[in-house]
Amino acid sequence: MKISQILSGKLKSTILFIVIFGLFNSLLNGTLLFFINAAVTGRGLAFPEAYKLPLYVGVVLLALVCSRYFQVYMIRLTSNITFEFEKNILEKIRCSTLTEFDALGKENIYTAINDTKSLAHIPEIFMNAFNAMVVVLCCFGYMFWVAPLGGVIILFTMAILVTIYLIRNKGIQKDLNQQRDLQNSYYRYLNDAIQGFRELKINVQRSNNVYHRWIFPNRERNREITNKTSVKYLDNEISGTYSWYVVFGVIMFVLPLIMKTNTATQAAFLVTIMYLIGPVAILITIIPTYNSLKISYERLVIFNHRLSINEGEFTDKDIHHRAESFSEVEFVDVKYQYINSNNKAAAFTISPISLRIEKGETIFVIGGNGSGKSTFGLLLTGLVKPKSGRILLNGNNLLSENITQYRSYFSAVFTDGHLFNENYDKVDLQETNTMLYELVSLLKLNDKIELEKGADRFNHNLSKGQRKRLALIYALLESKPVIVLDEWAAEQDPGFRRYFYTELIPLLQQRGKTVIVITHDDEYYKYASRIIKFNFGEITYDSSKQETVPGMN
């Protein structure tokens, strides 16, 4: 569902309520205004004196109850819209392709989620604006009823003052756009500074560049724009506040010169204008709020559009699907291209490759950095889609409709993989889970991990190599027929690396796993049942077809 559909749907469902409540609320406010003006001007009301106080108290209490009811209603409505907006964005992220996700950038995702909280207040803002508009119309109607010419003069004066405010507000939207772009960049730079803390510590020049050429200039520019925008808002706020004294001056000094008036009429106008201050302030502040909401909305629409093509990728059938017996995966003339986001040109290409991976094989995928090994792993696991060619699982073509079911045959630990903070799969972590603790023993983590007190998860105070071992345990618990390990042994100590190749991989093979290992560890190639070598996006060697490995030392 699109952001606009969620928003319009909520507004349509509440518009009648808003109109009815606004009119009723205005009636109550108008009644209170009549009471106050009658007391100030000395004009009597059209009902007995004995009923004035009970009626006044009744109107105040009714206004209080209605106001509270509406505020509770708006709180719930705002919460519901926030929930639906966030759910919509999270579903789009969940169903996006890896290529789309990588192109978005984490900072844009966090910004989009924050934008949803702003847009969720639109119904409340609309309601306040509608109520304020009705009150303004009622007040001007009252002034026209008391003194038509005076009402025209006050209306003309206030129109001029509001126009001046709008002109002064004109340049703020551009500044807000720049500020949002700066904030996105800042989160990106800050992430580099935090995640790359050690790298910056040992490279003073790079650290100086990151902070003094990127982060600090970004914050300085943000400070300049913030100051400029805040001063513009301040000028409007101050001029708006003192504009009321201009209106009071017109009532006290200009009206008597233009028209016949008396103290009672002036008092009625002054009280009415004082009653107008709140509603007019609401209407005026709608303008900068609208600018901010417009920016948030436009960015969310763009964000939504970039992730819209895969909406609804997951179905109940996909969620409950379990991998059946695995026999083979076949690539037929499969080609893939990384596209440069700036000029749309191919930045890297996997040339058409054809191969078959059969059940029970232990395949080592080798090659230099940038040769295409990891991209092959992404193609194999269905995380990226081929530009051309076919992938077949057990003889069946891989299609968009069955891509999720295809992925259910694979577990993976990526070279930059993420170890989740929570036990999302609801794995039984108690010692009664013999399969889990057998794997813990096999991965030699017996004395390294323990359950966190009061939490259903293991502690993560582990080294990188140990975290990779824990990630492998979780992957094996998925009990999928094929496991892909991308540079898994790179961060293991020499002793455990040898154990991994000489004992653990053969054990996985004995248990019927098809194991795909992306590796540089040439001293252990002999433990593979098959070796595939990549170079510049091409398969230059496949031991199932050749006996020797050209160029291997």
Foldseek 3Di string as FASTA:
>chain_A
DALVVLLVVLCVVCVVVLVVLLVVLLVLVLVLLVLVLCVVLVPDDPDDPVCSVVVNVVSVVVNVVSVVVVVVVLVVQLVVQLVVQLVLLVLLLVQFFPLLNVVCDPLLSVLLNVLSSLSSCVVVLVSLLSSLVSNVVSLLVVLCVLPVVLSVVLVVLVVVLLVVLCVLCVPLLVLVVVLVVLSSQLVVLVCCCVVVVVVCVVPVVVVCCSVVVGNVVSVVVNVVSVVVNVVSVVVSVVSLVCSLVVSLCCLVPVDVVPDPDDPSSSSSNNSSSVVSSVSVVSNSVVVVSVSSSVSSSVSSSVSCVSSVPRRPLDDPCLVPAADDDFFKKWWAQFKAFDADPPPRHGPAIQGGDTDMAGWLFAEEEEEDPPLCRVVVVCPQLLSDDTPDTFMDTVRHTDDSNCSSVSNNQEFEDAPPRDDDPAPVVPDPPDPVPVLLVVLCVLLVCPVPWDDDPPGDDIDDPDDPLVSLSVSVSVRVVSVHQEYEYEQNCVPPDPVVSCCCLPPVVVVCSVVGHHYYYHHDPVVRPVSGPWYWYGGRNYTPDICVVDPDDPPDD
